[in-house]
Amino acid sequence: MTWLDTRTWQTVRTMVADSNSVSVERVSPDGRLWAQGTLAGAVRWLNAETGGLLAATSAAHRHPVGGLAFSADSTRAASVAQDGTVALWDPSSLRLIVSFKGHMNGAHGVTFSPDGRRLATGGGGRQAVKLWDMATCRDLITLSGQGSVFYFVAFSPDGRSLIACNWEDHLHLWRAPSWEEIEAAERQKGSYEPER
């Protein structure tokens, strides 16, 4: 992995990962942790400055890790695997918070909403993307799409749009209503009086 200074595009440092066992890797937004998902289903945590191994955890997944993500404030991490499991991690302690079955046929991508309140996971077909509430780990909505293996999912900076891409390179875009739009619709529903 190569770190670049984004102002000059000069190489800051380069570290070598075991490409035979690593399926996906991410660096935390605060630059402190380097997370690696492995083909064996483990998540390895490394010091992003030195490349030194801090911990290796295998409690969450039994199949290859397909996606890793950090929340914008680096206080949470998430991983998904081909067995459909979703795992939430505490990056400060490198411990598993919770893991659960998220998708029937495998989970391949994961991302946090900009405010950290939601998690989106990529699956396939009728379970192209699932949106989860971070406080309760409850499934909020399942979005269907065409194709399989939605390996890339991302929120827009305002958190109101979600994009996903599958292995066939088909992009899907969904727009969520704002809180103001939801509240306005609820107020309108609440003021409705049936005819007598």
N, C-alpha and C. Protein backbone atom coordinates (compact mmCIF):
# COMPACT_ATOMS: atom_id res chain seq x y z
N MET A 1 0.85 -1.17 0.00
CA MET A 1 0.00 0.00 0.00
C MET A 1 0.89 1.23 0.00
N THR A 2 0.48 2.23 -0.77
CA THR A 2 1.26 3.47 -0.87
C THR A 2 0.45 4.63 -0.33
N TRP A 3 1.04 5.42 0.58
CA TRP A 3 0.42 6.64 1.08
C TRP A 3 0.96 7.80 0.27
N LEU A 4 0.03 8.67 -0.17
CA LEU A 4 0.41 9.84 -0.96
C LEU A 4 -0.01 11.11 -0.24
N ASP A 5 0.80 12.15 -0.38
CA ASP A 5 0.42 13.48 0.07
C ASP A 5 -0.49 14.05 -1.01
N THR A 6 -1.77 14.30 -0.69
CA THR A 6 -2.74 14.69 -1.71
C THR A 6 -2.55 16.12 -2.22
N ARG A 7 -1.68 16.88 -1.56
CA ARG A 7 -1.39 18.23 -2.08
C ARG A 7 -0.31 18.18 -3.16
N THR A 8 0.64 17.28 -2.98
CA THR A 8 1.76 17.21 -3.93
C THR A 8 1.77 15.92 -4.75
N TRP A 9 0.99 14.92 -4.33
CA TRP A 9 0.95 13.59 -4.92
C TRP A 9 2.30 12.89 -4.86
N GLN A 10 3.08 13.25 -3.87
CA GLN A 10 4.35 12.58 -3.62
C GLN A 10 4.12 11.42 -2.65
N THR A 11 4.89 10.36 -2.83
CA THR A 11 4.79 9.20 -1.94
C THR A 11 5.31 9.55 -0.56
N VAL A 12 4.51 9.28 0.46
CA VAL A 12 4.91 9.50 1.85
C VAL A 12 5.59 8.25 2.39
N ARG A 13 4.95 7.08 2.16
CA ARG A 13 5.53 5.80 2.56
C ARG A 13 4.83 4.68 1.80
N THR A 14 5.50 3.56 1.74
CA THR A 14 4.97 2.37 1.09
C THR A 14 5.14 1.18 2.02
N MET A 15 4.09 0.39 2.13
CA MET A 15 4.14 -0.83 2.93
C MET A 15 3.61 -1.97 2.10
N VAL A 16 4.11 -3.15 2.34
CA VAL A 16 3.72 -4.31 1.56
C VAL A 16 2.75 -5.17 2.37
N ALA A 17 1.62 -5.47 1.75
CA ALA A 17 0.63 -6.36 2.36
C ALA A 17 0.78 -7.75 1.75
N ASP A 18 0.34 -8.74 2.46
CA ASP A 18 0.37 -10.11 1.97
C ASP A 18 -0.77 -10.28 0.98
N SER A 19 -0.49 -10.06 -0.29
CA SER A 19 -1.55 -10.05 -1.30
C SER A 19 -2.17 -11.42 -1.51
N ASN A 20 -1.54 -12.48 -1.05
CA ASN A 20 -2.12 -13.82 -1.20
C ASN A 20 -3.25 -14.07 -0.21
N SER A 21 -3.27 -13.33 0.88
CA SER A 21 -4.32 -13.57 1.88
C SER A 21 -5.24 -12.38 2.10
N VAL A 22 -4.85 -11.18 1.66
CA VAL A 22 -5.66 -9.97 1.88
C VAL A 22 -6.64 -9.76 0.73
N SER A 23 -7.92 -9.62 1.07
CA SER A 23 -8.96 -9.41 0.06
C SER A 23 -9.37 -7.95 -0.07
N VAL A 24 -9.24 -7.18 1.01
CA VAL A 24 -9.63 -5.77 0.99
C VAL A 24 -8.89 -5.05 2.11
N GLU A 25 -8.62 -3.76 1.93
CA GLU A 25 -7.96 -2.99 2.99
C GLU A 25 -8.41 -1.54 2.96
N ARG A 26 -8.41 -0.91 4.14
CA ARG A 26 -8.80 0.48 4.31
C ARG A 26 -7.95 1.12 5.39
N VAL A 27 -7.79 2.44 5.30
CA VAL A 27 -7.10 3.21 6.33
C VAL A 27 -8.13 4.11 7.00
N SER A 28 -8.07 4.21 8.31
CA SER A 28 -9.04 5.04 9.05
C SER A 28 -8.85 6.51 8.68
N PRO A 29 -9.94 7.30 8.72
CA PRO A 29 -9.84 8.72 8.37
C PRO A 29 -8.83 9.50 9.22
N ASP A 30 -8.62 9.07 10.48
CA ASP A 30 -7.63 9.77 11.31
C ASP A 30 -6.20 9.32 11.01
N GLY A 31 -6.04 8.37 10.08
CA GLY A 31 -4.71 7.92 9.68
C GLY A 31 -4.00 7.03 10.67
N ARG A 32 -4.71 6.55 11.68
CA ARG A 32 -4.08 5.77 12.74
C ARG A 32 -4.05 4.27 12.43
N LEU A 33 -5.13 3.74 11.86
CA LEU A 33 -5.25 2.31 11.64
C LEU A 33 -5.29 1.94 10.17
N TRP A 34 -4.72 0.78 9.89
CA TRP A 34 -4.77 0.17 8.57
C TRP A 34 -5.47 -1.17 8.78
N ALA A 35 -6.68 -1.33 8.24
CA ALA A 35 -7.45 -2.56 8.41
C ALA A 35 -7.36 -3.39 7.15
N GLN A 36 -7.20 -4.69 7.36
CA GLN A 36 -7.14 -5.63 6.24
C GLN A 36 -8.16 -6.74 6.46
N GLY A 37 -8.95 -7.02 5.44
CA GLY A 37 -9.83 -8.18 5.47
C GLY A 37 -9.15 -9.31 4.73
N THR A 38 -9.26 -10.51 5.24
CA THR A 38 -8.55 -11.63 4.63
C THR A 38 -9.49 -12.62 3.96
N LEU A 39 -8.90 -13.45 3.13
CA LEU A 39 -9.66 -14.49 2.44
C LEU A 39 -10.16 -15.56 3.41
N ALA A 40 -9.52 -15.65 4.57
CA ALA A 40 -9.93 -16.62 5.59
C ALA A 40 -11.04 -16.08 6.50
N GLY A 41 -11.46 -14.82 6.31
CA GLY A 41 -12.53 -14.25 7.11
C GLY A 41 -12.08 -13.45 8.31
N ALA A 42 -10.78 -13.26 8.47
CA ALA A 42 -10.26 -12.48 9.60
C ALA A 42 -10.14 -11.01 9.23
N VAL A 43 -10.13 -10.16 10.25
CA VAL A 43 -9.82 -8.75 10.07
C VAL A 43 -8.54 -8.49 10.85
N ARG A 44 -7.55 -7.94 10.15
CA ARG A 44 -6.27 -7.62 10.79
C ARG A 44 -6.17 -6.11 10.95
N TRP A 45 -5.67 -5.70 12.10
CA TRP A 45 -5.52 -4.29 12.42
C TRP A 45 -4.03 -3.98 12.53
N LEU A 46 -3.58 -3.00 11.76
CA LEU A 46 -2.17 -2.63 11.75
C LEU A 46 -2.01 -1.16 12.09
N ASN A 47 -0.86 -0.82 12.63
CA ASN A 47 -0.50 0.58 12.85
C ASN A 47 -0.21 1.18 11.48
N ALA A 48 -0.95 2.22 11.11
CA ALA A 48 -0.81 2.81 9.78
C ALA A 48 0.52 3.53 9.59
N GLU A 49 1.15 3.91 10.68
CA GLU A 49 2.45 4.58 10.58
C GLU A 49 3.59 3.59 10.34
N THR A 50 3.55 2.48 11.05
CA THR A 50 4.67 1.54 11.02
C THR A 50 4.38 0.26 10.26
N GLY A 51 3.10 -0.07 10.07
CA GLY A 51 2.73 -1.32 9.44
C GLY A 51 2.75 -2.50 10.39
N GLY A 52 3.03 -2.24 11.67
CA GLY A 52 3.07 -3.31 12.67
C GLY A 52 1.70 -3.85 12.98
N LEU A 53 1.59 -5.16 13.12
CA LEU A 53 0.33 -5.82 13.42
C LEU A 53 -0.07 -5.54 14.87
N LEU A 54 -1.28 -5.02 15.06
CA LEU A 54 -1.80 -4.74 16.40
C LEU A 54 -2.69 -5.88 16.90
N ALA A 55 -3.50 -6.43 16.01
CA ALA A 55 -4.41 -7.52 16.38
C ALA A 55 -4.93 -8.19 15.12
N ALA A 56 -5.34 -9.43 15.26
CA ALA A 56 -6.02 -10.17 14.20
C ALA A 56 -7.24 -10.82 14.83
N THR A 57 -8.40 -10.57 14.25
CA THR A 57 -9.64 -11.05 14.84
C THR A 57 -10.38 -11.92 13.82
N SER A 58 -10.84 -13.07 14.26
CA SER A 58 -11.53 -13.99 13.36
C SER A 58 -12.91 -14.40 13.88
N ALA A 59 -13.43 -13.65 14.84
CA ALA A 59 -14.68 -14.03 15.48
C ALA A 59 -15.93 -13.71 14.65
N ALA A 60 -15.83 -12.82 13.68
CA ALA A 60 -17.04 -12.32 13.03
C ALA A 60 -17.44 -13.07 11.76
N HIS A 61 -16.47 -13.48 10.96
CA HIS A 61 -16.78 -14.03 9.63
C HIS A 61 -16.15 -15.41 9.44
N ARG A 62 -16.81 -16.22 8.61
CA ARG A 62 -16.28 -17.54 8.28
C ARG A 62 -15.86 -17.64 6.82
N HIS A 63 -16.13 -16.60 6.04
CA HIS A 63 -15.80 -16.57 4.62
C HIS A 63 -15.01 -15.30 4.31
N PRO A 64 -14.47 -15.17 3.09
CA PRO A 64 -13.65 -14.00 2.75
C PRO A 64 -14.35 -12.67 3.05
N VAL A 65 -13.59 -11.75 3.60
CA VAL A 65 -14.10 -10.40 3.87
C VAL A 65 -14.16 -9.65 2.55
N GLY A 66 -15.33 -9.12 2.23
CA GLY A 66 -15.53 -8.44 0.96
C GLY A 66 -15.47 -6.93 1.04
N GLY A 67 -15.69 -6.37 2.24
CA GLY A 67 -15.70 -4.92 2.38
C GLY A 67 -15.34 -4.48 3.78
N LEU A 68 -14.69 -3.33 3.86
CA LEU A 68 -14.33 -2.69 5.13
C LEU A 68 -14.64 -1.21 5.02
N ALA A 69 -15.02 -0.62 6.14
CA ALA A 69 -15.27 0.83 6.16
C ALA A 69 -15.05 1.36 7.56
N PHE A 70 -14.69 2.64 7.63
CA PHE A 70 -14.59 3.37 8.89
C PHE A 70 -15.60 4.50 8.87
N SER A 71 -16.14 4.84 10.03
CA SER A 71 -16.98 6.04 10.13
C SER A 71 -16.09 7.26 9.95
N ALA A 72 -16.70 8.39 9.60
CA ALA A 72 -15.93 9.60 9.32
C ALA A 72 -15.10 10.06 10.51
N ASP A 73 -15.58 9.80 11.74
CA ASP A 73 -14.84 10.22 12.93
C ASP A 73 -13.91 9.12 13.46
N SER A 74 -13.79 8.02 12.73
CA SER A 74 -12.91 6.89 13.08
C SER A 74 -13.28 6.18 14.37
N THR A 75 -14.49 6.38 14.88
CA THR A 75 -14.88 5.73 16.14
C THR A 75 -15.54 4.37 15.93
N ARG A 76 -15.90 4.05 14.70
CA ARG A 76 -16.50 2.77 14.39
C ARG A 76 -15.91 2.25 13.07
N ALA A 77 -15.90 0.93 12.95
CA ALA A 77 -15.51 0.27 11.72
C ALA A 77 -16.52 -0.82 11.43
N ALA A 78 -16.62 -1.21 10.17
CA ALA A 78 -17.53 -2.27 9.78
C ALA A 78 -16.86 -3.15 8.75
N SER A 79 -17.22 -4.43 8.78
CA SER A 79 -16.75 -5.37 7.77
C SER A 79 -17.92 -6.23 7.33
N VAL A 80 -17.85 -6.70 6.08
CA VAL A 80 -18.86 -7.61 5.55
C VAL A 80 -18.14 -8.76 4.86
N ALA A 81 -18.83 -9.90 4.77
CA ALA A 81 -18.18 -11.08 4.19
C ALA A 81 -19.11 -11.83 3.26
N GLN A 82 -18.52 -12.75 2.51
CA GLN A 82 -19.27 -13.50 1.52
C GLN A 82 -20.27 -14.48 2.13
N ASP A 83 -20.23 -14.67 3.43
CA ASP A 83 -21.26 -15.48 4.09
C ASP A 83 -22.48 -14.64 4.47
N GLY A 84 -22.46 -13.35 4.11
CA GLY A 84 -23.59 -12.46 4.39
C GLY A 84 -23.54 -11.78 5.73
N THR A 85 -22.48 -12.01 6.51
CA THR A 85 -22.39 -11.39 7.83
C THR A 85 -21.92 -9.95 7.75
N VAL A 86 -22.39 -9.18 8.71
CA VAL A 86 -22.00 -7.79 8.92
C VAL A 86 -21.42 -7.71 10.33
N ALA A 87 -20.29 -7.04 10.49
CA ALA A 87 -19.67 -6.90 11.81
C ALA A 87 -19.34 -5.44 12.07
N LEU A 88 -19.60 -5.01 13.30
CA LEU A 88 -19.24 -3.67 13.75
C LEU A 88 -18.11 -3.79 14.76
N TRP A 89 -17.13 -2.89 14.65
CA TRP A 89 -15.91 -2.94 15.45
C TRP A 89 -15.68 -1.62 16.17
N ASP A 90 -14.99 -1.71 17.30
CA ASP A 90 -14.53 -0.53 18.04
C ASP A 90 -13.04 -0.36 17.72
N PRO A 91 -12.68 0.60 16.88
CA PRO A 91 -11.28 0.77 16.51
C PRO A 91 -10.36 1.15 17.67
N SER A 92 -10.90 1.72 18.74
CA SER A 92 -10.03 2.09 19.87
C SER A 92 -9.56 0.87 20.64
N SER A 93 -10.42 -0.15 20.74
CA SER A 93 -10.03 -1.37 21.47
C SER A 93 -9.75 -2.54 20.53
N LEU A 94 -10.05 -2.37 19.24
CA LEU A 94 -9.90 -3.42 18.22
C LEU A 94 -10.75 -4.64 18.54
N ARG A 95 -11.91 -4.39 19.17
CA ARG A 95 -12.80 -5.48 19.56
C ARG A 95 -14.09 -5.45 18.75
N LEU A 96 -14.65 -6.63 18.61
CA LEU A 96 -15.93 -6.80 17.94
C LEU A 96 -17.04 -6.29 18.84
N ILE A 97 -17.91 -5.45 18.31
CA ILE A 97 -19.09 -4.97 19.05
C ILE A 97 -20.24 -5.94 18.85
N VAL A 98 -20.52 -6.24 17.58
CA VAL A 98 -21.62 -7.15 17.25
C VAL A 98 -21.43 -7.66 15.83
N SER A 99 -21.89 -8.86 15.58
CA SER A 99 -21.96 -9.37 14.21
C SER A 99 -23.33 -10.01 14.02
N PHE A 100 -23.83 -9.95 12.80
CA PHE A 100 -25.16 -10.49 12.51
C PHE A 100 -25.27 -10.83 11.04
N LYS A 101 -26.21 -11.68 10.72
CA LYS A 101 -26.47 -12.04 9.33
C LYS A 101 -27.16 -10.87 8.66
N GLY A 102 -26.53 -10.33 7.61
CA GLY A 102 -27.08 -9.16 6.95
C GLY A 102 -27.70 -9.45 5.60
N HIS A 103 -27.10 -10.35 4.84
CA HIS A 103 -27.58 -10.67 3.50
C HIS A 103 -27.66 -12.19 3.34
N MET A 104 -28.64 -12.64 2.57
CA MET A 104 -28.82 -14.07 2.37
C MET A 104 -27.69 -14.67 1.53
N ASN A 105 -27.27 -13.97 0.49
CA ASN A 105 -26.32 -14.55 -0.46
C ASN A 105 -24.98 -13.83 -0.49
N GLY A 106 -24.55 -13.29 0.58
CA GLY A 106 -23.24 -12.64 0.63
C GLY A 106 -23.32 -11.13 0.67
N ALA A 107 -22.41 -10.53 1.42
CA ALA A 107 -22.28 -9.08 1.49
C ALA A 107 -20.91 -8.72 0.94
N HIS A 108 -20.86 -7.66 0.14
CA HIS A 108 -19.63 -7.39 -0.61
C HIS A 108 -19.11 -5.96 -0.47
N GLY A 109 -19.93 -5.04 -0.06
CA GLY A 109 -19.52 -3.65 0.11
C GLY A 109 -20.15 -3.06 1.35
N VAL A 110 -19.53 -2.02 1.90
CA VAL A 110 -20.05 -1.41 3.12
C VAL A 110 -19.59 0.04 3.20
N THR A 111 -20.44 0.90 3.75
CA THR A 111 -20.08 2.29 3.96
C THR A 111 -20.95 2.88 5.07
N PHE A 112 -20.40 3.88 5.77
CA PHE A 112 -21.14 4.62 6.78
C PHE A 112 -21.70 5.89 6.15
N SER A 113 -22.86 6.32 6.66
CA SER A 113 -23.38 7.62 6.26
C SER A 113 -22.47 8.70 6.81
N PRO A 114 -22.46 9.90 6.23
CA PRO A 114 -21.57 10.96 6.72
C PRO A 114 -21.74 11.28 8.20
N ASP A 115 -22.99 11.17 8.72
CA ASP A 115 -23.20 11.47 10.14
C ASP A 115 -22.98 10.25 11.05
N GLY A 116 -22.67 9.10 10.46
CA GLY A 116 -22.38 7.90 11.24
C GLY A 116 -23.60 7.20 11.81
N ARG A 117 -24.81 7.66 11.47
CA ARG A 117 -26.02 7.09 12.05
C ARG A 117 -26.54 5.88 11.26
N ARG A 118 -26.10 5.73 10.03
CA ARG A 118 -26.57 4.65 9.17
C ARG A 118 -25.37 3.89 8.59
N LEU A 119 -25.64 2.64 8.23
CA LEU A 119 -24.65 1.81 7.57
C LEU A 119 -25.33 1.22 6.34
N ALA A 120 -24.67 1.26 5.20
CA ALA A 120 -25.20 0.65 3.99
C ALA A 120 -24.30 -0.52 3.61
N THR A 121 -24.93 -1.64 3.27
CA THR A 121 -24.19 -2.82 2.86
C THR A 121 -24.65 -3.26 1.49
N GLY A 122 -23.72 -3.73 0.68
CA GLY A 122 -24.02 -4.17 -0.67
C GLY A 122 -24.11 -5.67 -0.76
N GLY A 123 -25.18 -6.15 -1.39
CA GLY A 123 -25.38 -7.58 -1.58
C GLY A 123 -25.55 -7.89 -3.05
N GLY A 124 -26.78 -8.26 -3.44
CA GLY A 124 -27.06 -8.54 -4.84
C GLY A 124 -28.54 -8.72 -5.07
N GLY A 125 -28.97 -8.48 -6.32
CA GLY A 125 -30.36 -8.70 -6.74
C GLY A 125 -31.37 -7.96 -5.89
N ARG A 126 -32.32 -8.73 -5.31
CA ARG A 126 -33.37 -8.11 -4.50
C ARG A 126 -32.83 -7.53 -3.19
N GLN A 127 -31.61 -7.90 -2.82
CA GLN A 127 -30.95 -7.33 -1.65
C GLN A 127 -29.69 -6.59 -2.09
N ALA A 128 -29.85 -5.75 -3.12
CA ALA A 128 -28.69 -5.02 -3.66
C ALA A 128 -28.03 -4.19 -2.57
N VAL A 129 -28.82 -3.42 -1.84
CA VAL A 129 -28.30 -2.58 -0.76
C VAL A 129 -29.26 -2.65 0.42
N LYS A 130 -28.70 -2.80 1.60
CA LYS A 130 -29.49 -2.72 2.82
C LYS A 130 -28.98 -1.55 3.64
N LEU A 131 -29.90 -0.84 4.25
CA LEU A 131 -29.58 0.29 5.10
C LEU A 131 -29.90 -0.09 6.54
N TRP A 132 -28.92 0.14 7.43
CA TRP A 132 -29.03 -0.27 8.84
C TRP A 132 -28.95 0.94 9.76
N ASP A 133 -29.70 0.88 10.85
CA ASP A 133 -29.61 1.89 11.90
C ASP A 133 -28.46 1.51 12.82
N MET A 134 -27.50 2.39 13.02
CA MET A 134 -26.32 2.07 13.81
C MET A 134 -26.62 1.91 15.30
N ALA A 135 -27.63 2.59 15.80
CA ALA A 135 -27.94 2.52 17.22
C ALA A 135 -28.55 1.18 17.61
N THR A 136 -29.34 0.58 16.70
CA THR A 136 -30.06 -0.65 17.02
C THR A 136 -29.64 -1.85 16.18
N CYS A 137 -28.86 -1.61 15.11
CA CYS A 137 -28.48 -2.65 14.14
C CYS A 137 -29.70 -3.23 13.43
N ARG A 138 -30.76 -2.46 13.37
CA ARG A 138 -31.97 -2.90 12.68
C ARG A 138 -31.91 -2.55 11.21
N ASP A 139 -32.48 -3.44 10.40
CA ASP A 139 -32.59 -3.25 8.96
C ASP A 139 -33.68 -2.20 8.72
N LEU A 140 -33.31 -1.07 8.13
CA LEU A 140 -34.27 0.01 7.89
C LEU A 140 -34.98 -0.15 6.56
N ILE A 141 -34.22 -0.52 5.53
CA ILE A 141 -34.81 -0.67 4.20
C ILE A 141 -33.90 -1.55 3.36
N THR A 142 -34.51 -2.30 2.46
CA THR A 142 -33.77 -3.11 1.50
C THR A 142 -34.10 -2.60 0.12
N LEU A 143 -33.06 -2.27 -0.65
CA LEU A 143 -33.21 -1.73 -1.99
C LEU A 143 -32.84 -2.80 -3.01
N SER A 144 -33.71 -3.02 -3.98
CA SER A 144 -33.41 -4.01 -4.99
C SER A 144 -32.67 -3.37 -6.15
N GLY A 145 -31.94 -4.19 -6.88
CA GLY A 145 -31.18 -3.70 -8.03
C GLY A 145 -30.97 -4.81 -9.03
N GLN A 146 -30.40 -4.45 -10.16
CA GLN A 146 -30.13 -5.43 -11.19
C GLN A 146 -28.71 -5.95 -11.03
N GLY A 147 -28.53 -7.24 -11.19
CA GLY A 147 -27.20 -7.83 -11.13
C GLY A 147 -26.84 -8.31 -9.74
N SER A 148 -25.58 -8.70 -9.60
CA SER A 148 -25.12 -9.28 -8.35
C SER A 148 -23.81 -8.65 -7.91
N VAL A 149 -23.41 -8.95 -6.71
CA VAL A 149 -22.15 -8.52 -6.10
C VAL A 149 -22.00 -6.99 -6.17
N PHE A 150 -22.77 -6.31 -5.34
CA PHE A 150 -22.63 -4.86 -5.22
C PHE A 150 -21.46 -4.59 -4.28
N TYR A 151 -20.30 -4.46 -4.89
CA TYR A 151 -19.05 -4.34 -4.13
C TYR A 151 -18.73 -2.91 -3.72
N PHE A 152 -19.38 -1.94 -4.34
CA PHE A 152 -19.12 -0.54 -4.03
C PHE A 152 -20.42 0.13 -3.62
N VAL A 153 -20.45 0.72 -2.43
CA VAL A 153 -21.58 1.52 -1.97
C VAL A 153 -21.03 2.79 -1.34
N ALA A 154 -21.71 3.91 -1.59
CA ALA A 154 -21.24 5.19 -1.02
C ALA A 154 -22.41 6.15 -0.89
N PHE A 155 -22.35 6.97 0.15
CA PHE A 155 -23.30 8.06 0.34
C PHE A 155 -22.76 9.33 -0.29
N SER A 156 -23.67 10.20 -0.69
CA SER A 156 -23.26 11.55 -1.09
C SER A 156 -22.84 12.30 0.18
N PRO A 157 -22.08 13.39 0.05
CA PRO A 157 -21.63 14.13 1.25
C PRO A 157 -22.77 14.60 2.16
N ASP A 158 -23.96 14.89 1.59
CA ASP A 158 -25.08 15.32 2.44
C ASP A 158 -25.87 14.14 2.99
N GLY A 159 -25.51 12.91 2.60
CA GLY A 159 -26.17 11.72 3.12
C GLY A 159 -27.53 11.43 2.51
N ARG A 160 -27.96 12.20 1.51
CA ARG A 160 -29.30 12.03 0.97
C ARG A 160 -29.35 11.14 -0.27
N SER A 161 -28.21 10.82 -0.82
CA SER A 161 -28.17 9.93 -1.99
C SER A 161 -27.23 8.78 -1.71
N LEU A 162 -27.53 7.66 -2.30
CA LEU A 162 -26.74 6.46 -2.13
C LEU A 162 -26.48 5.88 -3.51
N ILE A 163 -25.24 5.52 -3.76
CA ILE A 163 -24.86 4.93 -5.05
C ILE A 163 -24.26 3.57 -4.79
N ALA A 164 -24.51 2.65 -5.70
CA ALA A 164 -23.94 1.31 -5.60
C ALA A 164 -23.57 0.83 -7.00
N CYS A 165 -22.49 0.07 -7.07
CA CYS A 165 -22.03 -0.47 -8.34
C CYS A 165 -21.83 -1.97 -8.18
N ASN A 166 -22.25 -2.73 -9.20
CA ASN A 166 -22.09 -4.18 -9.15
C ASN A 166 -20.95 -4.62 -10.06
N TRP A 167 -20.68 -5.92 -10.07
CA TRP A 167 -19.59 -6.46 -10.86
C TRP A 167 -19.78 -6.27 -12.36
N GLU A 168 -21.03 -6.08 -12.78
CA GLU A 168 -21.28 -5.84 -14.20
C GLU A 168 -21.11 -4.36 -14.55
N ASP A 169 -20.62 -3.58 -13.58
CA ASP A 169 -20.39 -2.13 -13.74
C ASP A 169 -21.67 -1.34 -13.97
N HIS A 170 -22.79 -1.83 -13.45
CA HIS A 170 -24.04 -1.08 -13.49
C HIS A 170 -24.14 -0.24 -12.23
N LEU A 171 -24.31 1.05 -12.40
CA LEU A 171 -24.47 1.97 -11.27
C LEU A 171 -25.94 2.12 -10.94
N HIS A 172 -26.25 2.14 -9.67
CA HIS A 172 -27.60 2.38 -9.18
C HIS A 172 -27.55 3.59 -8.26
N LEU A 173 -28.51 4.47 -8.36
CA LEU A 173 -28.56 5.67 -7.53
C LEU A 173 -29.93 5.79 -6.90
N TRP A 174 -29.95 5.98 -5.58
CA TRP A 174 -31.19 6.19 -4.84
C TRP A 174 -31.08 7.51 -4.09
N ARG A 175 -32.18 8.25 -4.04
CA ARG A 175 -32.21 9.51 -3.30
C ARG A 175 -33.17 9.35 -2.13
N ALA A 176 -32.70 9.70 -0.96
CA ALA A 176 -33.53 9.62 0.24
C ALA A 176 -34.16 10.97 0.52
N PRO A 177 -35.39 10.99 1.06
CA PRO A 177 -35.97 12.27 1.44
C PRO A 177 -35.23 12.86 2.63
N SER A 178 -35.21 14.17 2.70
CA SER A 178 -34.56 14.82 3.84
C SER A 178 -35.44 14.69 5.07
N TRP A 179 -34.87 14.95 6.25
CA TRP A 179 -35.67 14.91 7.49
C TRP A 179 -36.80 15.92 7.41
N GLU A 180 -36.54 17.07 6.79
CA GLU A 180 -37.56 18.10 6.66
C GLU A 180 -38.72 17.60 5.80
N GLU A 181 -38.39 16.89 4.70
CA GLU A 181 -39.43 16.35 3.83
C GLU A 181 -40.24 15.28 4.56
N ILE A 182 -39.57 14.44 5.33
CA ILE A 182 -40.27 13.40 6.10
C ILE A 182 -41.20 14.04 7.13
N GLU A 183 -40.69 15.04 7.87
CA GLU A 183 -41.50 15.71 8.89
C GLU A 183 -42.69 16.42 8.26
N ALA A 184 -42.47 17.06 7.10
CA ALA A 184 -43.57 17.75 6.42
C ALA A 184 -44.64 16.75 6.00
N ALA A 185 -44.23 15.58 5.48
CA ALA A 185 -45.19 14.56 5.07
C ALA A 185 -45.95 14.02 6.27
N GLU A 186 -45.26 13.84 7.40
CA GLU A 186 -45.92 13.35 8.61
C GLU A 186 -46.92 14.37 9.15
N ARG A 187 -46.53 15.66 9.10
CA ARG A 187 -47.45 16.71 9.55
C ARG A 187 -48.70 16.74 8.67
N GLN A 188 -48.48 16.60 7.36
CA GLN A 188 -49.59 16.62 6.43
C GLN A 188 -50.51 15.42 6.68
N LYS A 189 -49.91 14.26 6.95
CA LYS A 189 -50.70 13.08 7.26
C LYS A 189 -51.47 13.26 8.56
N GLY A 190 -50.83 13.89 9.54
CA GLY A 190 -51.45 14.10 10.84
C GLY A 190 -52.60 15.06 10.81
N SER A 191 -52.59 16.00 9.85
CA SER A 191 -53.67 17.00 9.78
C SER A 191 -54.83 16.53 8.93
N TYR A 192 -54.70 15.36 8.33
CA TYR A 192 -55.76 14.83 7.48
C TYR A 192 -56.97 14.44 8.30
N GLU A 193 -58.13 14.89 7.86
CA GLU A 193 -59.37 14.50 8.52
C GLU A 193 -60.28 13.84 7.49
N PRO A 194 -60.69 12.62 7.77
CA PRO A 194 -61.56 11.93 6.80
C PRO A 194 -62.91 12.64 6.67
N GLU A 195 -63.47 12.49 5.50
CA GLU A 195 -64.80 13.08 5.26
C GLU A 195 -65.84 12.32 6.09
N ARG A 196 -66.88 13.08 6.55
CA ARG A 196 -67.94 12.44 7.33
C ARG A 196 -69.20 12.32 6.54
